[in-house]
Protein backbone atom coordinates (compact mmCIF):
# COMPACT_ATOMS: atom_id res chain seq x y z
CA MET A 1 25.27 40.40 7.40
CA LEU A 2 28.26 38.86 9.16
CA GLN A 3 31.72 39.92 8.04
CA PRO A 4 34.38 37.34 7.10
CA ALA A 5 36.74 38.67 9.77
CA SER A 6 34.50 37.28 12.50
CA ALA A 7 34.45 33.73 11.15
CA LYS A 8 35.24 30.94 13.58
CA PRO A 9 36.20 27.37 12.71
CA GLY A 10 33.01 25.33 12.45
CA LYS A 11 32.32 21.64 12.24
CA LEU A 12 30.81 19.98 9.20
CA ARG A 13 28.72 17.17 10.62
CA GLU A 14 28.02 13.79 9.04
CA ILE A 15 24.39 12.67 9.16
CA THR A 16 23.62 8.94 9.06
CA ASP A 17 20.65 6.65 9.54
CA GLY A 18 21.65 6.37 13.17
CA ASN A 19 21.71 10.07 14.11
CA TRP A 20 19.46 11.78 11.56
CA GLU A 21 16.82 12.61 14.18
CA GLU A 22 19.22 15.20 15.63
CA ILE A 23 18.31 17.54 12.78
CA LEU A 24 14.72 17.70 14.06
CA THR A 25 15.90 20.07 16.80
CA GLY A 26 17.39 23.49 16.11
CA GLU A 27 18.32 25.02 12.76
CA TRP A 28 20.19 23.04 10.11
CA MET A 29 21.44 23.19 6.56
CA ILE A 30 21.95 19.72 5.10
CA GLU A 31 23.60 18.82 1.79
CA PHE A 32 22.90 15.49 0.10
CA PHE A 33 25.74 14.49 -2.20
CA ALA A 34 27.52 11.59 -3.86
CA PRO A 35 31.32 11.33 -4.29
CA TRP A 36 31.01 10.55 -8.01
CA CYS A 37 28.80 13.61 -8.74
CA PRO A 38 30.77 16.42 -10.52
CA ALA A 39 28.42 19.16 -9.27
CA CYS A 40 28.81 17.83 -5.72
CA GLN A 41 32.59 17.86 -6.06
CA GLN A 42 32.49 21.52 -7.09
CA LEU A 43 30.24 22.41 -4.16
CA GLN A 44 32.31 20.69 -1.45
CA PRO A 45 34.89 23.50 -0.91
CA VAL A 46 32.12 26.11 -0.73
CA TRP A 47 30.10 23.98 1.67
CA SER A 48 33.13 23.48 3.91
CA GLU A 49 33.75 27.24 4.02
CA PHE A 50 30.08 27.81 4.82
CA ALA A 51 30.36 25.31 7.68
CA GLU A 52 33.03 27.51 9.29
CA TRP A 53 30.35 30.16 9.81
CA GLY A 54 27.89 27.79 11.41
CA ASP A 55 28.57 28.86 15.00
CA ASP A 56 28.36 32.56 14.15
CA LEU A 57 25.10 32.10 12.26
CA GLY A 58 23.62 29.83 14.91
CA VAL A 59 23.03 27.04 12.41
CA SER A 60 24.41 23.52 12.17
CA ILE A 61 25.91 22.55 8.80
CA ALA A 62 25.77 18.90 7.77
CA LYS A 63 26.14 16.61 4.80
CA VAL A 64 24.80 13.20 3.80
CA ASP A 65 26.55 10.75 1.48
CA VAL A 66 23.63 9.08 -0.31
CA THR A 67 25.83 6.20 -1.47
CA GLU A 68 26.46 5.28 2.17
CA GLN A 69 23.03 6.27 3.52
CA PRO A 70 20.40 4.96 1.07
CA GLY A 71 17.74 5.10 3.78
CA LEU A 72 18.10 8.87 4.08
CA SER A 73 18.04 9.19 0.31
CA GLY A 74 14.61 7.57 0.30
CA ARG A 75 13.43 9.37 3.42
CA PHE A 76 14.09 12.80 1.83
CA ILE A 77 13.16 11.74 -1.75
CA ILE A 78 16.51 12.75 -3.25
CA THR A 79 16.06 12.81 -7.03
CA ALA A 80 18.89 15.21 -7.96
CA LEU A 81 22.39 15.90 -6.66
CA PRO A 82 23.40 17.94 -4.87
CA THR A 83 20.21 18.62 -2.90
CA ILE A 84 20.16 21.06 0.02
CA TYR A 85 17.54 21.22 2.76
CA HIS A 86 16.96 23.82 5.45
CA CYS A 87 15.42 22.55 8.67
CA LYS A 88 14.08 24.64 11.54
CA ASP A 89 12.71 22.68 14.52
CA GLY A 90 11.59 19.77 12.36
CA VAL A 91 10.12 21.88 9.53
CA PHE A 92 11.92 21.21 6.24
CA ARG A 93 12.32 23.50 3.24
CA ARG A 94 14.22 22.78 0.06
CA TYR A 95 16.89 25.30 -0.85
CA GLN A 96 16.67 26.40 -4.50
CA GLY A 97 18.98 29.44 -4.56
CA ALA A 98 22.51 30.09 -5.77
CA ARG A 99 25.31 27.97 -4.32
CA SER A 100 27.93 30.39 -3.11
CA LYS A 101 29.07 30.91 0.46
CA GLU A 102 27.61 34.42 0.52
CA ASP A 103 24.24 33.19 -0.74
CA PHE A 104 24.12 30.49 1.92
CA MET A 105 25.03 32.98 4.64
CA SER A 106 22.43 35.55 3.57
CA PHE A 107 19.82 32.80 3.34
CA ILE A 108 20.33 32.11 7.05
CA ASP A 109 21.21 35.59 8.31
CA GLU A 110 18.30 37.33 6.55
CA LYS A 111 15.89 34.43 7.18
CA LYS A 112 15.08 34.07 3.50
CA TRP A 113 13.92 30.54 4.24
CA GLN A 114 10.70 31.98 5.67
CA SER A 115 9.50 32.75 2.13
CA ILE A 116 9.81 29.11 1.05
CA GLU A 117 6.85 26.78 1.44
CA PRO A 118 7.71 23.95 3.85
CA VAL A 119 7.54 20.30 2.94
CA SER A 120 4.12 18.77 3.59
CA SER A 121 3.81 16.71 6.75
CA TRP A 122 2.75 13.77 4.56
CA PHE A 123 6.19 13.82 2.93
CA GLY A 124 8.19 14.86 5.98
CA PRO A 125 11.09 12.56 6.89
CA SER A 126 9.32 11.50 10.10
CA SER A 127 6.05 10.50 8.39
CA LEU A 128 4.92 6.91 8.03
CA LEU A 129 5.17 7.16 4.24
CA MET A 130 8.79 8.27 4.34
CA ASN A 131 9.65 5.60 6.90
CA ALA A 132 8.36 3.02 4.44
CA MET A 133 10.29 4.67 1.62
CA SER A 134 13.46 4.57 3.70
CA ALA A 135 13.01 0.86 4.38
CA LEU A 136 12.47 0.23 0.67
CA PHE A 137 15.69 2.03 -0.26
CA LYS A 138 17.61 0.09 2.38
CA LEU A 139 16.23 -3.17 1.03
CA SER A 140 17.20 -2.27 -2.53
CA MET A 141 20.74 -1.44 -1.43
CA PHE A 142 20.96 -4.72 0.52
CA ILE A 143 19.89 -6.66 -2.57
CA ARG A 144 22.47 -4.82 -4.64
CA HIS A 145 25.24 -5.69 -2.17
CA CYS A 146 24.15 -9.33 -2.18
CA HIS A 147 24.16 -9.38 -5.98
CA ASN A 148 27.67 -7.92 -6.10
CA TYR A 149 28.88 -10.42 -3.52
CA LEU A 150 27.45 -13.38 -5.44
CA THR A 151 28.82 -12.29 -8.81
CA GLU A 152 32.17 -10.79 -7.77
CA GLN A 153 33.20 -12.79 -4.70
CA LEU A 154 31.61 -16.19 -5.34
CA GLY A 155 31.75 -16.11 -9.14
CA VAL A 156 28.04 -16.84 -9.62
CA PRO A 157 26.82 -15.93 -13.14
CA VAL A 158 24.55 -12.92 -13.40
CA TRP A 159 21.63 -15.06 -14.55
CA GLY A 160 22.26 -17.37 -11.59
CA SER A 161 22.12 -14.43 -9.19
CA TYR A 162 18.82 -13.30 -10.72
CA GLY A 163 17.47 -16.83 -10.38
CA ILE A 164 18.42 -16.96 -6.71
CA PHE A 165 16.66 -13.66 -6.04
CA ALA A 166 13.58 -14.82 -7.98
CA LEU A 167 13.40 -18.01 -5.92
CA ALA A 168 13.92 -16.08 -2.69
CA THR A 169 11.15 -13.66 -3.69
CA LEU A 170 8.78 -16.56 -4.40
CA ILE A 171 9.51 -18.28 -1.09
CA SER A 172 9.22 -15.07 0.91
CA GLY A 173 5.92 -14.24 -0.83
CA LEU A 174 4.45 -17.64 -0.01
CA THR A 175 5.65 -17.38 3.58
CA LEU A 176 4.19 -13.92 3.97
CA GLY A 177 0.90 -15.11 2.49
CA LEU A 178 0.67 -17.98 4.97
CA VAL A 179 1.45 -15.64 7.85
CA LEU A 180 -1.28 -13.23 6.73
CA VAL A 181 -3.79 -16.09 6.48
CA PHE A 182 -2.96 -17.29 10.00
CA VAL A 183 -3.21 -13.76 11.36
CA ALA A 184 -6.55 -13.21 9.61
CA ASP A 185 -7.92 -16.49 11.00
CA PHE A 186 -6.76 -15.53 14.47
CA VAL A 187 -8.19 -12.00 14.36
CA PHE A 188 -11.36 -12.91 12.44
CA PRO A 189 -12.02 -16.60 13.22
CA SER A 190 -14.28 -18.58 10.90
CA ARG A 191 -17.88 -19.16 11.96
CA ARG A 192 -17.27 -22.90 11.74
CA LEU A 193 -14.90 -22.61 14.67
CA SER A 194 -17.39 -20.83 16.94
CA PRO A 195 -18.79 -22.98 19.81
CA ASP A 196 -22.45 -22.57 18.84
CA TYR A 197 -21.97 -22.93 15.08
CA HIS A 198 -23.19 -26.55 14.85
CA HIS A 199 -26.04 -25.89 17.26
CA ARG A 200 -27.26 -22.95 15.19
CA LYS A 201 -26.87 -24.98 12.00
CA LEU A 202 -29.01 -27.79 13.47
CA LEU A 203 -31.70 -25.33 14.55
CA ALA A 204 -31.74 -23.78 11.09
CA GLY A 205 -32.24 -27.23 9.52
CA GLN A 206 -35.10 -28.02 11.88
CA VAL A 207 -36.78 -24.71 11.13
CA ARG A 208 -36.45 -25.37 7.40
CA LEU A 209 -38.00 -28.84 7.72
CA LEU A 210 -40.83 -27.45 9.83
CA GLN A 211 -41.53 -24.79 7.22
CA GLN A 212 -41.60 -27.39 4.45
CA SER A 213 -44.02 -29.53 6.48
CA GLU A 214 -46.33 -26.56 7.01
CA ASP A 215 -46.23 -25.73 3.29
CA GLU A 216 -47.14 -29.33 2.38
CA GLN A 217 -50.03 -29.36 4.86
CA GLU A 218 -51.30 -26.09 3.46
CA ALA A 219 -51.14 -27.46 -0.10
CA ASP A 220 -53.03 -30.64 0.94
CA GLY A 221 -55.71 -28.50 2.57
CA GLU A 222 -56.21 -26.51 -0.63
CA GLU A 223 -56.64 -29.73 -2.67
CA GLU A 224 -59.26 -31.03 -0.22
CA ASP A 225 -61.16 -27.75 -0.49
CA ASP A 226 -61.21 -28.08 -4.29
CA GLU A 227 -62.58 -31.65 -4.09
CA ASP A 228 -65.31 -30.57 -1.68
CA GLU A 229 -66.32 -27.75 -4.01
CA TYR A 230 -66.84 -30.03 -7.03
CA GLY A 231 -68.22 -32.99 -5.09
CA GLY A 232 -65.12 -35.03 -5.60
CA LYS A 233 -65.97 -35.50 -9.29
CA THR A 234 -64.50 -34.19 -12.46
CA GLU A 235 -66.65 -33.70 -15.52
CA GLU A 236 -65.29 -34.68 -18.91
CA TRP A 237 -66.11 -32.63 -22.00
CA GLN A 238 -68.23 -34.42 -24.59
CA PRO A 239 -68.43 -33.26 -28.19
CA PRO A 240 -71.86 -32.56 -29.77
CA GLY A 241 -73.53 -35.84 -30.82
CA GLY A 242 -71.47 -37.94 -28.48
CA ALA A 243 -68.90 -40.59 -29.33
CA GLU A 244 -70.93 -41.86 -32.31
CA ALA A 245 -70.64 -38.50 -34.02
CA VAL A 246 -66.88 -38.53 -33.56
CA ARG A 247 -66.68 -42.03 -35.09
CA ARG A 248 -68.76 -40.96 -38.12
CA ARG A 249 -66.56 -37.93 -38.73
CA GLY A 250 -63.48 -40.16 -38.62
CA LEU A 251 -65.01 -42.51 -41.29
CA GLY A 252 -66.16 -39.65 -43.48
CA VAL A 253 -69.85 -40.53 -43.13
CA PRO A 254 -72.03 -37.44 -43.50
CA GLU A 255 -74.14 -36.55 -40.53
CA GLU A 256 -77.90 -36.92 -40.80
CA ASP A 257 -80.00 -33.83 -40.59
CA THR A 258 -82.34 -33.76 -37.68
């Protein structure tokens, strides 16, 4: 391990949304902190001393203020402060060890980071998912700044600020919906707009009428066959004794024995 006597002044670098891609090349140790965090305040002197050994260890030491860089906070899913990441050629690992200068130095010098499972590519800061998360955090911070400006600078009541944001959300949602409808119609046009739609509809109607005509002709042919089979006559059922017997039964007259 390196001895303190060989330490050279190092540079503690600031990482922002504009230059964060620099950490994808080489070896880095990055601290995510907030000025109001007591644990972060205690770590700052140690982290600065560790940065002085960066050149000797061949590692770049950096820090990120999450209050100023909300996009990076979302990109790296920072849920606790301080959070420390080790990065080697774009592969990220979360540091979980002790937070002394000696522990940081041995972590790099002895390559202890090799025993830590790297962050999945799905949740890497360059992934599509984390890009979306970064944009969401930036949007939330922008809304917060707008809310503070309305309430503190312009004197708008809190409920008025909420009402403005609700109206803006409604309008933006309707606008986005219309845009999506137009895009969908352009990419997947309706069949009614196709050049041969009316022609195909007319042909379908003619085919349907022709089929109905054929069905009617077939039904008429079956009726004619039935009439030919029975000679065009229909026989009516007659009760025993004929109509006179029916009349007698209706009057209650007993029938004569034959």
